[in-house]
Protein backbone atom coordinates (compact mmCIF):
# COMPACT_ATOMS: atom_id res chain seq x y z
CA MET A 1 102.97 104.05 90.73
CA PHE A 2 106.47 102.73 91.38
CA MET A 3 105.48 101.71 94.95
CA LEU A 4 102.98 99.13 93.68
CA LYS A 5 103.99 95.58 94.51
CA ASP A 6 100.61 93.78 94.61
CA ILE A 7 98.97 93.89 91.19
CA HIS A 8 95.68 92.31 92.30
CA THR A 9 93.90 92.16 95.64
CA HIS A 10 90.41 92.57 97.05
CA VAL A 11 91.63 94.04 100.33
CA ILE A 12 92.62 97.67 100.82
CA PRO A 13 96.27 97.55 101.93
CA ALA A 14 97.62 99.23 105.05
CA LEU A 15 100.08 101.16 102.89
CA PRO A 16 98.28 103.40 100.36
CA GLY A 17 99.55 103.03 96.82
CA SER A 18 101.08 99.59 97.34
CA ALA A 19 98.36 97.50 95.64
CA VAL A 20 95.70 97.56 92.94
CA VAL A 21 92.41 96.82 94.69
CA CYS A 22 89.70 95.15 92.60
CA VAL A 23 86.32 96.78 93.30
CA GLY A 24 84.11 95.19 90.64
CA CYS A 25 81.74 97.76 89.17
CA GLY A 26 80.49 99.47 92.31
CA PRO A 27 81.41 102.83 93.79
CA LEU A 28 85.01 103.35 94.78
CA PRO A 29 85.81 103.14 98.51
CA GLN A 30 86.14 106.60 100.03
CA VAL A 31 89.83 106.29 100.86
CA LYS A 32 92.67 108.41 99.55
CA GLY A 33 95.95 107.38 97.99
CA HIS A 34 94.87 103.94 96.79
CA PHE A 35 94.63 102.48 93.29
CA PHE A 36 91.74 100.37 92.01
CA SER A 37 90.73 98.17 89.11
CA ALA A 38 87.12 98.06 87.95
CA GLY A 39 85.49 95.37 85.87
CA LEU A 40 82.73 92.80 85.49
CA HIS A 41 83.79 89.38 86.75
CA PRO A 42 82.82 86.49 84.43
CA TRP A 43 80.84 84.85 87.25
CA ASP A 44 78.59 87.89 87.50
CA VAL A 45 77.93 89.00 83.94
CA SER A 46 74.56 87.29 83.42
CA GLY A 47 72.78 90.24 85.02
CA CYS A 48 74.76 92.95 83.26
CA ASP A 49 72.83 95.59 81.36
CA GLU A 50 73.72 98.87 79.70
CA ASP A 51 73.80 100.59 83.08
CA SER A 52 76.55 98.18 84.16
CA PHE A 53 78.72 99.16 81.21
CA ARG A 54 77.97 102.86 81.68
CA ASN A 55 79.05 102.57 85.32
CA LEU A 56 82.23 100.83 84.26
CA ASP A 57 82.88 103.47 81.62
CA ALA A 58 82.60 106.17 84.27
CA LEU A 59 84.91 104.35 86.68
CA LEU A 60 87.58 103.90 84.03
CA SER A 61 87.66 107.65 83.45
CA MET A 62 88.98 108.14 87.00
CA PRO A 63 92.75 108.59 87.46
CA ASP A 64 92.88 106.30 90.51
CA VAL A 65 91.49 103.43 88.39
CA PRO A 66 94.51 102.52 86.22
CA ALA A 67 93.25 99.10 85.06
CA LEU A 68 90.13 97.25 83.94
CA GLY A 69 89.47 93.99 85.76
CA GLU A 70 89.01 91.51 86.77
CA CYS A 71 87.17 90.28 83.72
CA GLY A 72 87.58 87.17 81.62
CA LEU A 73 86.35 83.64 80.93
CA ASP A 74 85.62 80.75 83.31
CA THR A 75 84.29 77.44 81.98
CA LEU A 76 83.75 76.03 85.48
CA ARG A 77 81.52 78.71 86.94
CA GLY A 78 79.21 81.48 85.85
CA PRO A 79 76.85 81.89 82.90
CA SER A 80 77.32 80.34 79.48
CA PRO A 81 80.57 80.88 77.55
CA ASP A 82 78.65 82.96 75.01
CA ILE A 83 77.38 85.38 77.65
CA GLN A 84 80.80 85.62 79.25
CA GLU A 85 82.51 86.28 75.94
CA LYS A 86 80.08 89.01 74.92
CA ALA A 87 80.67 90.79 78.24
CA PHE A 88 84.41 90.33 77.85
CA VAL A 89 84.44 91.88 74.36
CA ARG A 90 82.45 94.87 75.61
CA GLN A 91 85.04 95.36 78.34
CA PHE A 92 87.87 95.00 75.85
CA GLU A 93 86.32 97.89 73.91
CA LEU A 94 86.27 100.03 77.06
CA SER A 95 89.87 99.09 77.81
CA GLU A 96 90.91 100.35 74.41
CA LEU A 97 88.74 103.47 74.67
CA HIS A 98 90.27 104.49 78.00
CA SER A 99 93.78 103.16 77.28
CA LYS A 100 93.68 101.01 80.43
CA PRO A 101 95.31 97.55 80.60
CA MET A 102 93.19 94.52 81.51
CA ILE A 103 93.52 92.13 84.47
CA LEU A 104 92.02 88.80 83.49
CA HIS A 105 90.41 85.90 85.34
CA VAL A 106 90.83 82.82 83.13
CA VAL A 107 89.87 79.28 84.17
CA ARG A 108 90.16 76.44 81.64
CA ALA A 109 89.67 78.85 78.77
CA PHE A 110 93.25 79.58 77.77
CA GLU A 111 92.89 78.49 74.14
CA ARG A 112 89.89 80.76 73.74
CA ILE A 113 91.53 83.76 75.40
CA ILE A 114 94.60 83.31 73.18
CA TYR A 115 92.29 83.23 70.15
CA LEU A 116 90.49 86.37 71.29
CA LYS A 117 93.73 88.24 71.83
CA LYS A 118 94.94 87.31 68.37
CA THR A 119 91.59 88.23 66.81
CA LEU A 120 90.95 91.47 68.71
CA ASN A 121 94.60 92.60 68.54
CA PRO A 122 94.50 94.89 71.60
CA SER A 123 96.82 97.85 71.98
CA GLN A 124 96.54 97.54 75.78
CA LYS A 125 98.30 94.90 77.88
CA TRP A 126 96.44 91.81 79.07
CA LEU A 127 97.53 90.22 82.35
CA ILE A 128 96.27 86.85 83.60
CA HIS A 129 96.08 87.07 87.35
CA GLY A 130 96.75 84.25 89.81
CA PHE A 131 98.49 82.05 87.27
CA ARG A 132 98.92 78.50 88.62
CA GLY A 133 99.85 76.62 85.45
CA GLY A 134 103.13 74.98 84.52
CA PRO A 135 106.15 76.30 82.64
CA GLU A 136 104.97 75.12 79.22
CA GLN A 137 101.60 76.86 79.52
CA ALA A 138 103.37 79.95 80.83
CA ARG A 139 105.67 80.00 77.80
CA GLN A 140 102.68 79.65 75.47
CA LEU A 141 100.89 82.59 77.09
CA LEU A 142 103.98 84.79 77.20
CA GLY A 143 104.61 83.95 73.55
CA SER A 144 101.08 85.09 72.76
CA GLY A 145 101.75 88.45 74.40
CA PHE A 146 100.11 87.94 77.79
CA LEU A 147 101.58 88.91 81.12
CA LEU A 148 101.19 86.69 84.20
CA SER A 149 100.95 87.53 87.88
CA LEU A 150 101.88 85.00 90.53
CA GLY A 151 100.22 84.50 93.88
CA CYS A 152 100.57 82.24 96.88
CA SER A 153 99.66 79.12 94.82
CA ALA A 154 102.13 79.64 91.95
CA ARG A 155 104.27 76.65 91.03
CA GLU A 156 107.95 76.89 91.88
CA ASP A 157 109.04 75.47 88.51
CA THR A 158 106.92 78.11 86.78
CA ILE A 159 108.46 80.89 88.86
CA ARG A 160 111.94 79.73 87.88
CA SER A 161 110.98 79.47 84.20
CA LEU A 162 109.72 83.04 83.78
CA PRO A 163 111.94 85.82 82.43
CA ARG A 164 112.68 88.22 85.26
CA CYS A 165 111.12 91.07 83.31
CA SER A 166 107.85 89.11 83.42
CA LEU A 167 107.63 88.60 87.20
CA LEU A 168 104.57 90.25 88.74
CA ALA A 169 103.11 89.42 92.15
CA GLU A 170 99.66 89.47 93.73
CA THR A 171 97.81 88.34 96.83
CA ASP A 172 94.22 88.11 95.52
CA GLY A 173 93.39 89.03 99.11
CA LYS A 174 94.42 85.56 100.30
CA CYS A 175 97.83 86.16 101.89
CA GLY A 176 100.42 88.85 102.50
CA ILE A 177 102.36 90.30 99.59
CA ASP A 178 105.66 89.91 101.44
CA GLU A 179 104.91 86.17 101.66
CA VAL A 180 104.49 85.98 97.88
CA ILE A 181 107.60 88.04 97.17
CA SER A 182 109.63 85.95 99.63
CA ARG A 183 108.52 82.75 97.88
CA ILE A 184 109.54 84.16 94.51
CA ALA A 185 112.89 85.31 95.92
CA VAL A 186 113.64 81.87 97.41
CA SER A 187 112.65 80.12 94.17
CA LEU A 188 115.04 82.32 92.20
CA GLY A 189 117.81 82.47 94.80
CA MET A 190 117.47 86.24 94.99
CA ASP A 191 117.59 88.72 97.84
CA PHE A 192 114.13 89.78 99.09
CA GLY A 193 114.82 93.48 98.57
CA ASP A 194 116.08 92.96 95.02
CA THR A 195 113.02 90.83 94.22
CA GLU A 196 110.67 93.43 95.66
CA ARG A 197 112.28 96.19 93.57
CA LEU A 198 112.12 94.00 90.45
CA ILE A 199 108.41 93.37 90.93
CA GLU A 200 107.72 97.06 91.60
CA SER A 201 109.57 97.94 88.40
CA ASN A 202 107.67 95.31 86.37
CA ILE A 203 104.32 96.54 87.70
CA SER A 204 105.31 100.10 86.85
CA ASP A 205 106.07 98.91 83.30
CA PHE A 206 102.63 97.27 83.13
CA PHE A 207 101.04 100.69 83.48
CA ALA A 208 103.51 102.51 81.26
């Protein structure tokens, strides 16, 4: 997986094996050489039943699905926090069962997700995708054992504050990955190629 440089998108990339494509809980696209993440988005969990979790269980058994996600908590949209949290905990259990890291969607629920991580004590890595917060919030999350991925809306001061071993990039299907990597490189005063290789290495470590 060393070619991976986009940890989270909803668009199948032109170059197979360069991105992790989020497919929800439906059937995988019939394309070869790509990697996918499967999960139940917090906006959509009100209608989840046992079949939903069985489908997710089956998807996570596939070798081209190296991660669970996106799943998480969102206090601005979706069903009640209680419903979202129950679905999240079920997905955490599947993550542990299949030894697959989790890609998280978290909106105004950072205190709760920190609490859940401390309480559940996962063996798998948890990554918050599309992080747009400031350096202090980033430090708090990194200190609690989370990883963060940065997209086209990441703050420049946050980019500069992150340890280089913690830099991961994503498009979320909203821009080109080279645009994101270029922005990170400029913020850090690094060469584009060196930044790209650093991000590829960090994503590889995420799946190690």
